[in-house]
Amino acid sequence: MTKKPQLAPEHISDVIQMALSDHVSFTDIQREYGIGEKDVKALMRDNLKTGSYRAWRKRVRDFSDRRAHYK
């Protein structure tokens, strides 16, 4: 069982905005908030609608296939 990091509501909003941005990598989010890629994905899954989460994951996967160092 993994322990989810506890973030203040305003930090959750910031992490979501950063994750939705095409210009911010998971490394940048981890550096600023101390949460890894798996935790960001879980946070996004918990806070976005199912369709929005799936669209975001598809976009991240598509970009990572085209760019070696994306997210």
Protein backbone atom coordinates (compact mmCIF):
# COMPACT_ATOMS: atom_id res chain seq x y z
CA MET A 1 0.00 0.00 0.00
CA THR A 2 1.49 3.34 -1.04
CA LYS A 3 1.05 6.51 0.92
CA LYS A 4 -0.34 9.44 -1.07
CA PRO A 5 1.33 12.77 -0.41
CA GLN A 6 -0.90 15.29 1.33
CA LEU A 7 -1.08 18.57 -0.56
CA ALA A 8 -2.96 21.73 0.30
CA PRO A 9 -5.92 22.44 -2.04
CA GLU A 10 -4.11 25.36 -3.67
CA HIS A 11 -1.12 23.11 -4.38
CA ILE A 12 -3.36 20.45 -5.91
CA SER A 13 -4.72 23.09 -8.27
CA ASP A 14 -1.18 24.19 -9.15
CA VAL A 15 -0.04 20.62 -9.82
CA ILE A 16 -3.08 20.01 -12.06
CA GLN A 17 -2.36 23.19 -14.03
CA MET A 18 1.30 22.22 -14.39
CA ALA A 19 0.43 18.68 -15.48
CA LEU A 20 -2.05 19.95 -18.07
CA SER A 21 0.58 22.27 -19.49
CA ASP A 22 2.57 20.90 -22.40
CA HIS A 23 5.60 22.89 -21.23
CA VAL A 24 6.05 21.41 -17.75
CA SER A 25 7.59 17.97 -17.24
CA PHE A 26 6.93 15.48 -14.45
CA THR A 27 10.49 16.20 -13.29
CA ASP A 28 9.63 19.89 -12.84
CA ILE A 29 6.55 18.97 -10.81
CA GLN A 30 8.57 16.59 -8.65
CA ARG A 31 11.25 19.21 -8.09
CA GLU A 32 8.70 21.81 -6.97
CA TYR A 33 6.18 19.69 -5.04
CA GLY A 34 8.05 16.48 -4.24
CA ILE A 35 5.56 14.13 -5.89
CA GLY A 36 6.51 11.63 -8.57
CA GLU A 37 4.94 10.75 -11.90
CA LYS A 38 2.73 7.99 -10.45
CA ASP A 39 1.40 10.36 -7.78
CA VAL A 40 0.69 13.07 -10.36
CA LYS A 41 -1.23 10.57 -12.47
CA ALA A 42 -3.23 9.43 -9.41
CA LEU A 43 -3.97 13.05 -8.45
CA MET A 44 -5.14 13.79 -12.00
CA ARG A 45 -7.30 10.64 -12.03
CA ASP A 46 -8.91 11.66 -8.72
CA ASN A 47 -9.55 15.28 -9.70
CA LEU A 48 -10.44 15.20 -13.40
CA LYS A 49 -13.50 13.78 -15.08
CA THR A 50 -12.85 10.36 -16.59
CA GLY A 51 -12.93 11.64 -20.18
CA SER A 52 -10.64 14.55 -19.35
CA TYR A 53 -8.16 12.24 -17.63
CA ARG A 54 -8.13 9.84 -20.60
CA ALA A 55 -7.63 12.70 -23.07
CA TRP A 56 -4.76 14.06 -20.95
CA ARG A 57 -3.07 10.64 -20.72
CA LYS A 58 -3.42 10.14 -24.47
CA ARG A 59 -1.89 13.56 -25.15
CA VAL A 60 1.02 12.87 -22.78
CA ARG A 61 1.63 9.46 -24.39
CA ASP A 62 1.44 10.90 -27.91
CA PHE A 63 3.89 13.69 -27.07
CA SER A 64 6.29 11.31 -25.34
CA ASP A 65 6.33 9.10 -28.44
CA ARG A 66 7.36 12.10 -30.56
CA ARG A 67 9.78 13.71 -28.11
CA ALA A 68 12.43 11.83 -26.23
CA HIS A 69 12.28 14.00 -23.11
CA TYR A 70 8.65 14.97 -22.81
CA LYS A 71 6.97 14.59 -19.42
